[in-house]
Amino acid sequence: MKKTQVLDAIQDMPEDIAIDVLMEKLIVLQKIEEGQKQIQEGKVYREEEAEKKLEKWLR
């Protein structure tokens, strides 16, 4: 994550914010960025593959 992204996230938040809320937002933004990178790299599963991998959790 770039510093500009962090600053943008902070600018979008209200004046009074709890640090845990800020940290949670930054973590979510980082996870989204990681997911987008994985998509670009082709590190994705088709729906059938995902269902098979998650089968034990979906029962």
N, C-alpha and C. Protein backbone atom coordinates (compact mmCIF):
# COMPACT_ATOMS: atom_id res chain seq x y z
N MET A 1 0.85 -1.17 0.00
CA MET A 1 0.00 0.00 0.00
C MET A 1 0.90 1.23 0.00
N LYS A 2 0.52 2.19 -0.79
CA LYS A 2 1.31 3.42 -0.89
C LYS A 2 0.84 4.44 0.14
N LYS A 3 1.76 5.31 0.49
CA LYS A 3 1.46 6.35 1.47
C LYS A 3 0.30 7.22 1.01
N THR A 4 0.22 7.50 -0.28
CA THR A 4 -0.87 8.33 -0.79
C THR A 4 -2.23 7.67 -0.57
N GLN A 5 -2.26 6.33 -0.68
CA GLN A 5 -3.51 5.60 -0.43
C GLN A 5 -3.92 5.72 1.03
N VAL A 6 -2.94 5.63 1.92
CA VAL A 6 -3.21 5.76 3.35
C VAL A 6 -3.74 7.16 3.65
N LEU A 7 -3.08 8.16 3.08
CA LEU A 7 -3.50 9.54 3.30
C LEU A 7 -4.90 9.79 2.75
N ASP A 8 -5.20 9.22 1.59
CA ASP A 8 -6.55 9.36 1.01
C ASP A 8 -7.59 8.73 1.92
N ALA A 9 -7.27 7.56 2.46
CA ALA A 9 -8.21 6.88 3.36
C ALA A 9 -8.46 7.72 4.60
N ILE A 10 -7.42 8.33 5.13
CA ILE A 10 -7.56 9.17 6.32
C ILE A 10 -8.38 10.41 5.99
N GLN A 11 -8.13 11.02 4.83
CA GLN A 11 -8.87 12.22 4.44
C GLN A 11 -10.36 11.96 4.30
N ASP A 12 -10.72 10.74 3.90
CA ASP A 12 -12.13 10.39 3.70
C ASP A 12 -12.87 10.12 5.01
N MET A 13 -12.15 10.03 6.11
CA MET A 13 -12.76 9.68 7.39
C MET A 13 -13.17 10.93 8.15
N PRO A 14 -14.10 10.76 9.10
CA PRO A 14 -14.52 11.92 9.90
C PRO A 14 -13.37 12.46 10.76
N GLU A 15 -13.55 13.65 11.26
CA GLU A 15 -12.52 14.31 12.06
C GLU A 15 -12.17 13.52 13.32
N ASP A 16 -13.19 13.00 14.00
CA ASP A 16 -12.97 12.19 15.21
C ASP A 16 -13.16 10.73 14.85
N ILE A 17 -12.09 9.97 14.96
CA ILE A 17 -12.14 8.55 14.59
C ILE A 17 -11.31 7.73 15.56
N ALA A 18 -11.81 6.57 15.92
CA ALA A 18 -11.05 5.67 16.79
C ALA A 18 -9.95 5.00 15.97
N ILE A 19 -8.82 4.79 16.57
CA ILE A 19 -7.67 4.21 15.85
C ILE A 19 -8.00 2.81 15.35
N ASP A 20 -8.80 2.04 16.09
CA ASP A 20 -9.13 0.69 15.64
C ASP A 20 -9.98 0.72 14.37
N VAL A 21 -10.82 1.73 14.22
CA VAL A 21 -11.63 1.86 13.00
C VAL A 21 -10.72 2.20 11.82
N LEU A 22 -9.78 3.10 12.04
CA LEU A 22 -8.82 3.45 11.00
C LEU A 22 -7.99 2.24 10.58
N MET A 23 -7.49 1.50 11.55
CA MET A 23 -6.68 0.31 11.25
C MET A 23 -7.49 -0.72 10.48
N GLU A 24 -8.74 -0.91 10.87
CA GLU A 24 -9.60 -1.87 10.17
C GLU A 24 -9.80 -1.45 8.71
N LYS A 25 -10.02 -0.17 8.48
CA LYS A 25 -10.19 0.31 7.11
C LYS A 25 -8.92 0.09 6.29
N LEU A 26 -7.77 0.38 6.87
CA LEU A 26 -6.51 0.18 6.16
C LEU A 26 -6.26 -1.29 5.84
N ILE A 27 -6.61 -2.16 6.76
CA ILE A 27 -6.45 -3.60 6.53
C ILE A 27 -7.36 -4.05 5.38
N VAL A 28 -8.60 -3.59 5.39
CA VAL A 28 -9.53 -3.96 4.31
C VAL A 28 -9.00 -3.47 2.97
N LEU A 29 -8.52 -2.23 2.91
CA LEU A 29 -7.98 -1.69 1.66
C LEU A 29 -6.77 -2.50 1.20
N GLN A 30 -5.93 -2.92 2.14
CA GLN A 30 -4.76 -3.73 1.78
C GLN A 30 -5.19 -5.09 1.23
N LYS A 31 -6.18 -5.71 1.85
CA LYS A 31 -6.67 -7.00 1.38
C LYS A 31 -7.27 -6.90 -0.02
N ILE A 32 -7.99 -5.81 -0.28
CA ILE A 32 -8.55 -5.59 -1.61
C ILE A 32 -7.43 -5.47 -2.63
N GLU A 33 -6.41 -4.70 -2.28
CA GLU A 33 -5.26 -4.53 -3.17
C GLU A 33 -4.57 -5.87 -3.45
N GLU A 34 -4.41 -6.69 -2.41
CA GLU A 34 -3.80 -8.01 -2.59
C GLU A 34 -4.65 -8.89 -3.50
N GLY A 35 -5.96 -8.84 -3.33
CA GLY A 35 -6.86 -9.62 -4.17
C GLY A 35 -6.80 -9.20 -5.63
N GLN A 36 -6.75 -7.90 -5.86
CA GLN A 36 -6.64 -7.41 -7.23
C GLN A 36 -5.33 -7.85 -7.88
N LYS A 37 -4.27 -7.86 -7.10
CA LYS A 37 -2.96 -8.32 -7.61
C LYS A 37 -3.02 -9.80 -7.97
N GLN A 38 -3.67 -10.60 -7.11
CA GLN A 38 -3.81 -12.03 -7.38
C GLN A 38 -4.61 -12.27 -8.66
N ILE A 39 -5.64 -11.47 -8.88
CA ILE A 39 -6.44 -11.60 -10.10
C ILE A 39 -5.58 -11.31 -11.31
N GLN A 40 -4.79 -10.23 -11.26
CA GLN A 40 -3.92 -9.87 -12.37
C GLN A 40 -2.90 -10.96 -12.67
N GLU A 41 -2.45 -11.65 -11.62
CA GLU A 41 -1.46 -12.72 -11.77
C GLU A 41 -2.10 -14.05 -12.15
N GLY A 42 -3.42 -14.08 -12.24
CA GLY A 42 -4.11 -15.31 -12.61
C GLY A 42 -4.23 -16.31 -11.47
N LYS A 43 -4.02 -15.85 -10.26
CA LYS A 43 -4.11 -16.73 -9.08
C LYS A 43 -5.54 -16.74 -8.56
N VAL A 44 -6.42 -17.32 -9.37
CA VAL A 44 -7.83 -17.39 -9.02
C VAL A 44 -8.34 -18.81 -9.20
N TYR A 45 -9.47 -19.10 -8.59
CA TYR A 45 -10.11 -20.40 -8.73
C TYR A 45 -11.42 -20.23 -9.49
N ARG A 46 -11.73 -21.19 -10.33
CA ARG A 46 -13.06 -21.23 -10.92
C ARG A 46 -14.04 -21.59 -9.83
N GLU A 47 -15.30 -21.33 -10.06
CA GLU A 47 -16.32 -21.59 -9.04
C GLU A 47 -16.30 -23.04 -8.59
N GLU A 48 -16.18 -23.97 -9.54
CA GLU A 48 -16.17 -25.39 -9.19
C GLU A 48 -14.97 -25.74 -8.32
N GLU A 49 -13.82 -25.18 -8.64
CA GLU A 49 -12.62 -25.43 -7.84
C GLU A 49 -12.77 -24.87 -6.43
N ALA A 50 -13.33 -23.68 -6.33
CA ALA A 50 -13.52 -23.04 -5.03
C ALA A 50 -14.49 -23.86 -4.18
N GLU A 51 -15.58 -24.32 -4.79
CA GLU A 51 -16.55 -25.12 -4.05
C GLU A 51 -15.91 -26.40 -3.54
N LYS A 52 -15.09 -27.03 -4.36
CA LYS A 52 -14.43 -28.27 -3.95
C LYS A 52 -13.48 -28.00 -2.78
N LYS A 53 -12.72 -26.90 -2.84
CA LYS A 53 -11.79 -26.57 -1.77
C LYS A 53 -12.53 -26.20 -0.48
N LEU A 54 -13.71 -25.59 -0.62
CA LEU A 54 -14.46 -25.14 0.56
C LEU A 54 -15.54 -26.12 0.99
N GLU A 55 -15.59 -27.27 0.35
CA GLU A 55 -16.66 -28.24 0.59
C GLU A 55 -16.86 -28.55 2.07
N LYS A 56 -15.79 -28.77 2.79
CA LYS A 56 -15.92 -29.13 4.20
C LYS A 56 -16.48 -27.97 5.04
N TRP A 57 -16.29 -26.73 4.58
CA TRP A 57 -16.79 -25.58 5.30
C TRP A 57 -18.23 -25.25 4.93
N LEU A 58 -18.66 -25.68 3.76
CA LEU A 58 -20.00 -25.35 3.29
C LEU A 58 -21.07 -26.31 3.78
N ARG A 59 -20.68 -27.37 4.39
CA ARG A 59 -21.66 -28.37 4.88
C ARG A 59 -22.32 -27.94 6.12
